Amino acid sequence: MSNTYVLLQFGSDPFSFRFEDLEGRPACTVYQNPSVVKVTREAEWSQQHPDIMGPASAFLYFGPANARGYMVYGNGEQTSMSNHLRQKKENSSSRYFTTRTGKELKWKVSPQKMECVDGRSTVAAWELSQPEDVFSARLILKHSALSYVTELLTTLILNRMAVALNWEA
């Protein structure tokens, strides 16, 4: 992927961790407060990339026993988590979501590696680290993903949560 950005994930709990860039700047923080998870795109990282657009945060509201609930980007309208975990084919591990600007993207989901695809182009790839690494996972973002990076990060996190909670499609 040309024009790429690398974020390192520290922490393996999909409900509470952080991403940092290679210079150690915080890029995104995920924090759980009982039934709400807040995803925050950090200003220190965002200011390094003028092409970043969209909301700086997202809130994931869970139902009883961590059931799927709804989510809100910034101060926007709430939408069902299921709308961001759409499955088009039965037994497929791919999950689709639509950005706030109407672009449909697909996450190819597995416990070890996930790829976000825009048509035929991979715009992001997340992969668990090796045992000798000091970080838990690595996320590589293509420059074109910066315009919807909060949505991409939030749906990555939501897909990781869905795997951890064994949510069915």
Protein backbone atom coordinates (compact mmCIF):
# COMPACT_ATOMS: atom_id res chain seq x y z
CA MET A 1 0.00 0.00 0.00
CA SER A 2 1.63 3.27 -1.11
CA ASN A 3 1.18 6.43 1.00
CA THR A 4 0.53 4.42 4.11
CA TYR A 5 0.41 5.13 7.82
CA VAL A 6 1.22 2.59 10.52
CA LEU A 7 -0.53 2.54 13.87
CA LEU A 8 0.56 0.19 16.63
CA GLN A 9 -2.05 -1.20 18.99
CA PHE A 10 -1.20 -1.41 22.68
CA GLY A 11 -3.54 -3.67 24.64
CA SER A 12 -5.37 -6.75 23.42
CA ASP A 13 -8.79 -6.15 25.01
CA PRO A 14 -11.10 -5.01 22.16
CA PHE A 15 -12.98 -2.85 24.68
CA SER A 16 -9.97 -0.94 26.01
CA PHE A 17 -6.72 -0.20 24.15
CA ARG A 18 -4.90 2.53 22.23
CA PHE A 19 -3.27 3.06 18.85
CA GLU A 20 -0.04 5.06 18.51
CA ASP A 21 1.85 6.08 15.39
CA LEU A 22 5.49 5.10 14.88
CA GLU A 23 6.62 8.35 16.56
CA GLY A 24 4.72 7.41 19.73
CA ARG A 25 1.91 9.94 19.25
CA PRO A 26 -1.48 8.71 20.51
CA ALA A 27 -3.76 8.22 17.48
CA CYS A 28 -6.87 6.57 18.88
CA THR A 29 -8.04 5.55 22.33
CA VAL A 30 -10.74 3.00 23.14
CA TYR A 31 -12.21 3.22 26.63
CA GLN A 32 -15.10 1.29 28.21
CA ASN A 33 -17.40 2.79 30.82
CA PRO A 34 -19.85 -0.01 31.89
CA SER A 35 -22.17 -0.34 28.86
CA VAL A 36 -20.63 2.38 26.66
CA VAL A 37 -17.38 2.26 24.70
CA LYS A 38 -15.88 5.55 23.55
CA VAL A 39 -13.59 5.63 20.54
CA THR A 40 -11.56 8.85 20.37
CA ARG A 41 -9.36 9.97 17.50
CA GLU A 42 -6.60 11.89 19.25
CA ALA A 43 -5.90 15.48 18.19
CA GLU A 44 -2.12 15.10 18.50
CA TRP A 45 -2.14 12.53 15.68
CA SER A 46 -4.95 14.10 13.64
CA GLN A 47 -3.13 17.42 13.46
CA GLN A 48 -0.27 15.68 11.64
CA HIS A 49 -2.62 14.73 8.78
CA PRO A 50 -4.68 17.58 7.27
CA ASP A 51 -6.68 15.14 5.10
CA ILE A 52 -8.35 13.59 8.16
CA MET A 53 -12.03 14.41 8.13
CA GLY A 54 -15.18 13.35 9.92
CA PRO A 55 -16.06 13.07 13.58
CA ALA A 56 -13.34 12.84 16.23
CA SER A 57 -15.22 10.29 18.31
CA ALA A 58 -17.76 7.49 18.33
CA PHE A 59 -19.82 5.98 21.11
CA LEU A 60 -20.89 2.33 21.16
CA TYR A 61 -23.89 1.64 23.40
CA PHE A 62 -24.44 -2.01 24.27
CA GLY A 63 -27.61 -3.78 25.27
CA PRO A 64 -28.00 -6.22 28.19
CA ALA A 65 -25.17 -8.78 28.50
CA ASN A 66 -23.14 -6.90 25.83
CA ALA A 67 -25.80 -7.51 23.17
CA ARG A 68 -25.67 -5.40 20.01
CA GLY A 69 -26.96 -1.94 20.61
CA TYR A 70 -26.42 1.27 18.70
CA MET A 71 -23.63 3.68 17.91
CA VAL A 72 -23.22 7.42 17.43
CA TYR A 73 -20.48 9.29 15.56
CA GLY A 74 -19.72 12.57 17.34
CA ASN A 75 -23.01 14.34 17.95
CA GLY A 76 -24.69 12.60 15.02
CA GLU A 77 -27.72 10.36 14.86
CA GLN A 78 -27.72 6.90 16.37
CA THR A 79 -27.53 3.88 14.11
CA SER A 80 -27.75 0.18 14.86
CA MET A 81 -24.48 -1.70 15.33
CA SER A 82 -25.94 -4.32 12.99
CA ASN A 83 -25.86 -1.76 10.15
CA HIS A 84 -22.07 -1.73 10.47
CA LEU A 85 -21.74 -5.52 10.59
CA ARG A 86 -23.83 -6.40 7.53
CA GLN A 87 -23.30 -9.78 5.91
CA LYS A 88 -24.23 -10.21 2.24
CA LYS A 89 -23.68 -13.96 1.88
CA GLU A 90 -24.56 -16.63 4.37
CA ASN A 91 -21.50 -18.11 6.12
CA SER A 92 -19.28 -15.30 4.79
CA SER A 93 -16.76 -13.76 7.18
CA SER A 94 -16.98 -10.42 5.34
CA ARG A 95 -18.82 -7.57 7.01
CA TYR A 96 -20.01 -4.44 5.22
CA PHE A 97 -20.58 -0.91 6.42
CA THR A 98 -21.45 2.38 4.78
CA THR A 99 -19.62 5.57 5.70
CA ARG A 100 -21.52 8.72 6.57
CA THR A 101 -20.81 9.96 3.03
CA GLY A 102 -22.39 6.86 1.45
CA LYS A 103 -19.27 4.85 0.55
CA GLU A 104 -19.70 1.09 1.10
CA LEU A 105 -16.66 -0.74 2.47
CA LYS A 106 -16.04 -4.35 3.38
CA TRP A 107 -14.07 -5.82 6.27
CA LYS A 108 -12.64 -9.30 5.63
CA VAL A 109 -12.79 -10.58 9.21
CA SER A 110 -10.73 -13.23 10.98
CA PRO A 111 -9.42 -13.40 14.56
CA GLN A 112 -5.78 -12.89 13.46
CA LYS A 113 -6.09 -10.45 10.55
CA MET A 114 -8.66 -8.07 9.08
CA GLU A 115 -8.61 -6.14 5.84
CA CYS A 116 -10.85 -3.25 4.84
CA VAL A 117 -11.58 -3.09 1.13
CA ASP A 118 -13.00 -0.27 -0.98
CA GLY A 119 -14.06 -2.03 -4.17
CA ARG A 120 -10.92 -3.91 -5.17
CA SER A 121 -8.48 -1.76 -3.23
CA THR A 122 -7.34 -2.56 0.32
CA VAL A 123 -7.51 0.66 2.37
CA ALA A 124 -6.56 -0.81 5.77
CA ALA A 125 -5.04 -3.99 7.16
CA TRP A 126 -5.00 -4.98 10.84
CA GLU A 127 -2.91 -7.93 12.03
CA LEU A 128 -1.97 -9.37 15.41
CA SER A 129 1.68 -8.92 16.30
CA GLN A 130 4.37 -11.54 16.78
CA PRO A 131 5.19 -12.74 20.33
CA GLU A 132 8.47 -10.79 20.37
CA ASP A 133 6.74 -7.45 19.56
CA VAL A 134 6.01 -4.95 22.36
CA PHE A 135 2.66 -4.05 20.75
CA SER A 136 -0.45 -6.21 20.36
CA ALA A 137 -1.31 -5.55 16.71
CA ARG A 138 -0.45 -3.35 13.73
CA LEU A 139 -2.85 -1.33 11.58
CA ILE A 140 -1.74 -0.06 8.19
CA LEU A 141 -3.90 2.68 6.67
CA LYS A 142 -3.84 3.88 3.09
CA HIS A 143 -3.92 7.66 2.64
CA SER A 144 -7.35 7.48 1.00
CA ALA A 145 -8.81 6.10 4.28
CA LEU A 146 -8.00 9.29 6.19
CA SER A 147 -11.22 10.97 5.03
CA TYR A 148 -13.26 8.39 7.00
CA VAL A 149 -10.64 7.16 9.49
CA THR A 150 -12.85 7.41 12.59
CA GLU A 151 -15.51 5.28 10.90
CA LEU A 152 -12.89 2.79 9.74
CA LEU A 153 -11.36 2.54 13.24
CA THR A 154 -14.78 2.23 14.86
CA THR A 155 -15.92 -0.57 12.55
CA LEU A 156 -12.60 -2.39 13.02
CA ILE A 157 -13.16 -2.21 16.78
CA LEU A 158 -16.81 -3.26 16.40
CA ASN A 159 -15.80 -6.29 14.31
CA ARG A 160 -13.18 -7.27 16.91
CA MET A 161 -15.82 -6.99 19.62
CA ALA A 162 -18.24 -9.10 17.56
CA VAL A 163 -15.60 -11.85 17.28
CA ALA A 164 -14.80 -11.67 21.02
CA LEU A 165 -18.51 -11.80 21.96
CA ASN A 166 -19.36 -14.52 19.40
CA TRP A 167 -22.08 -12.43 17.80
CA GLU A 168 -23.79 -14.19 14.93
CA ALA A 169 -24.34 -12.29 11.70
